[in-house]
Amino acid sequence: MTTPPQDARGPLRERKGPPQGRTAGSPARWLPLAAVLGLVATAALGPILAGLLRSHGDGLMPQCMILNSTGLYCPGCGGTRSILALLERDLATAARYNALFVFGGAGLLVLAALGWWRRGRVPAWAHLILLCVVCAVMLFFAVLRNLPAFTFLAPP
């Protein structure tokens, strides 16, 4: 009679079900490569896309419904032009159109990278706190950019 293989804890049993952890074909394994390729493609093709959009004038630029109806700048006002300036690698102009998109977006990308690096070990309550902080920052930014002392935050 043969005995099953053993280790210090006793007999080894065969695992049933799918393999645990990341496998060679799992999307999480290829995420860093896809992110790098996406950044390279954006850096290479971004100025071309931005030039095409700008060549058609402001006809393609969406109008802000909040600005049109209330006369107040929302947190997203100038965001499209800010992204176009980023595609053209003009950080100063992008920050002038919407500083929250530039610096807040970069901060969220860093947090997403850290969350990926921790491989999902971020507690659920941290996501709720992050959502509350992002909403509070957006509200604070919307109020500030409409005050006379902070007109430098309003898009040109």
Protein backbone atom coordinates (compact mmCIF):
# COMPACT_ATOMS: atom_id res chain seq x y z
CA MET A 1 0.00 0.00 0.00
CA THR A 2 1.35 3.43 -0.95
CA THR A 3 1.08 6.34 1.41
CA PRO A 4 0.12 9.77 0.10
CA PRO A 5 2.85 12.43 0.05
CA GLN A 6 3.18 14.31 3.33
CA ASP A 7 4.68 17.48 4.71
CA ALA A 8 5.05 18.71 8.31
CA ARG A 9 1.30 19.37 8.57
CA GLY A 10 0.16 15.95 7.40
CA PRO A 11 -0.94 14.39 4.12
CA LEU A 12 -1.01 16.65 1.06
CA ARG A 13 -4.35 16.85 -0.67
CA GLU A 14 -4.98 17.75 -4.25
CA ARG A 15 -6.47 21.17 -4.72
CA LYS A 16 -9.84 21.37 -6.39
CA GLY A 17 -11.02 24.34 -8.39
CA PRO A 18 -9.15 27.01 -10.29
CA PRO A 19 -5.53 27.78 -9.43
CA GLN A 20 -5.01 30.42 -6.78
CA GLY A 21 -3.20 33.68 -7.50
CA ARG A 22 -2.31 35.23 -10.82
CA THR A 23 -1.75 33.00 -13.78
CA ALA A 24 0.23 33.70 -16.93
CA GLY A 25 -2.85 34.78 -18.85
CA SER A 26 -4.46 36.93 -16.16
CA PRO A 27 -5.05 40.59 -17.07
CA ALA A 28 -3.31 41.85 -13.92
CA ARG A 29 0.00 40.45 -15.15
CA TRP A 30 -0.14 42.49 -18.36
CA LEU A 31 -1.51 45.69 -16.80
CA PRO A 32 1.87 47.46 -16.34
CA LEU A 33 2.89 46.70 -19.92
CA ALA A 34 -0.47 47.92 -21.23
CA ALA A 35 -0.17 51.11 -19.17
CA VAL A 36 3.33 51.84 -20.50
CA LEU A 37 2.25 51.16 -24.10
CA GLY A 38 -0.78 53.42 -23.61
CA LEU A 39 1.40 56.25 -22.29
CA VAL A 40 3.85 55.88 -25.19
CA ALA A 41 1.00 55.91 -27.73
CA THR A 42 -0.56 58.96 -26.08
CA ALA A 43 2.77 60.80 -26.04
CA ALA A 44 3.35 59.98 -29.71
CA LEU A 45 -0.15 60.53 -31.09
CA GLY A 46 -1.49 63.09 -28.59
CA PRO A 47 -0.12 66.21 -30.30
CA ILE A 48 -1.52 65.02 -33.64
CA LEU A 49 -4.98 64.44 -32.15
CA ALA A 50 -4.90 67.76 -30.28
CA GLY A 51 -3.85 69.59 -33.46
CA LEU A 52 -6.72 68.03 -35.40
CA LEU A 53 -9.24 69.02 -32.73
CA ARG A 54 -7.89 72.56 -32.46
CA SER A 55 -7.87 73.03 -36.24
CA HIS A 56 -11.67 72.78 -36.25
CA GLY A 57 -11.96 75.65 -33.80
CA ASP A 58 -14.23 75.75 -30.77
CA GLY A 59 -17.08 74.08 -32.65
CA LEU A 60 -16.04 70.68 -31.31
CA MET A 61 -15.50 71.89 -27.75
CA PRO A 62 -18.46 71.07 -25.50
CA GLN A 63 -20.12 73.93 -23.66
CA CYS A 64 -20.56 73.70 -19.88
CA MET A 65 -24.25 73.59 -18.99
CA ILE A 66 -23.59 74.90 -15.47
CA LEU A 67 -21.63 77.89 -16.78
CA ASN A 68 -24.25 78.62 -19.44
CA SER A 69 -27.18 78.43 -17.02
CA THR A 70 -25.72 79.98 -13.85
CA GLY A 71 -22.65 81.91 -14.94
CA LEU A 72 -20.56 80.01 -12.36
CA TYR A 73 -17.55 77.83 -13.14
CA CYS A 74 -17.94 74.18 -12.20
CA PRO A 75 -14.93 72.03 -11.19
CA GLY A 76 -14.76 70.65 -14.74
CA CYS A 77 -14.83 73.96 -16.65
CA GLY A 78 -11.77 74.13 -18.89
CA GLY A 79 -11.11 70.40 -18.46
CA THR A 80 -11.33 69.55 -22.16
CA ARG A 81 -8.94 72.32 -23.13
CA SER A 82 -6.68 71.28 -20.26
CA ILE A 83 -6.51 67.72 -21.59
CA LEU A 84 -5.79 69.02 -25.10
CA ALA A 85 -2.94 71.13 -23.71
CA LEU A 86 -1.59 68.06 -21.87
CA LEU A 87 -1.71 66.11 -25.14
CA GLU A 88 0.41 68.87 -26.65
CA ARG A 89 2.78 68.56 -23.65
CA ASP A 90 2.05 72.10 -22.44
CA LEU A 91 1.76 71.72 -18.67
CA ALA A 92 1.54 75.45 -17.89
CA THR A 93 -1.39 76.02 -20.25
CA ALA A 94 -3.10 72.87 -19.03
CA ALA A 95 -2.83 74.05 -15.42
CA ARG A 96 -4.14 77.47 -16.45
CA TYR A 97 -7.28 75.93 -17.95
CA ASN A 98 -8.00 73.58 -15.03
CA ALA A 99 -5.43 73.00 -12.30
CA LEU A 100 -7.61 70.37 -10.64
CA PHE A 101 -7.52 68.15 -13.74
CA VAL A 102 -3.74 68.36 -13.98
CA PHE A 103 -2.66 67.99 -10.36
CA GLY A 104 -5.66 66.09 -9.03
CA GLY A 105 -5.56 63.69 -11.95
CA ALA A 106 -1.87 63.05 -11.38
CA GLY A 107 -2.55 62.38 -7.70
CA LEU A 108 -5.32 59.93 -8.54
CA LEU A 109 -3.04 58.13 -11.00
CA VAL A 110 -0.42 57.76 -8.26
CA LEU A 111 -3.06 56.40 -5.87
CA ALA A 112 -4.28 53.95 -8.53
CA ALA A 113 -0.72 52.75 -9.10
CA LEU A 114 -0.22 52.27 -5.36
CA GLY A 115 -3.50 50.35 -5.16
CA TRP A 116 -2.38 48.10 -8.00
CA TRP A 117 1.00 47.64 -6.36
CA ARG A 118 -0.66 46.56 -3.13
CA ARG A 119 -2.65 44.04 -5.21
CA GLY A 120 -6.05 44.72 -3.73
CA ARG A 121 -4.97 44.79 -0.09
CA VAL A 122 -6.47 48.24 0.33
CA PRO A 123 -9.28 48.14 2.93
CA ALA A 124 -12.79 48.94 1.72
CA TRP A 125 -13.13 51.92 4.06
CA ALA A 126 -10.14 53.58 2.37
CA HIS A 127 -12.07 53.74 -0.90
CA LEU A 128 -14.97 55.49 0.84
CA ILE A 129 -12.62 58.00 2.47
CA LEU A 130 -10.93 58.66 -0.89
CA LEU A 131 -14.32 59.27 -2.54
CA CYS A 132 -15.30 61.73 0.21
CA VAL A 133 -11.97 63.56 -0.06
CA VAL A 134 -12.24 63.83 -3.86
CA CYS A 135 -15.79 65.21 -3.62
CA ALA A 136 -14.77 67.72 -0.94
CA VAL A 137 -11.77 68.90 -2.99
CA MET A 138 -13.93 69.32 -6.10
CA LEU A 139 -16.52 71.34 -4.16
CA PHE A 140 -13.81 73.48 -2.55
CA PHE A 141 -12.20 74.08 -5.95
CA ALA A 142 -15.56 75.05 -7.48
CA VAL A 143 -16.19 77.60 -4.72
CA LEU A 144 -12.67 79.05 -4.86
CA ARG A 145 -12.57 79.52 -8.62
CA ASN A 146 -15.76 81.63 -8.46
CA LEU A 147 -14.47 84.02 -5.77
CA PRO A 148 -13.00 87.36 -6.94
CA ALA A 149 -9.73 86.78 -5.04
CA PHE A 150 -9.09 83.51 -6.89
CA THR A 151 -9.80 84.49 -10.49
CA PHE A 152 -6.48 82.87 -11.48
CA LEU A 153 -8.23 79.49 -10.97
CA ALA A 154 -10.94 80.34 -13.52
CA PRO A 155 -10.29 79.24 -17.10
CA PRO A 156 -9.25 82.00 -19.52
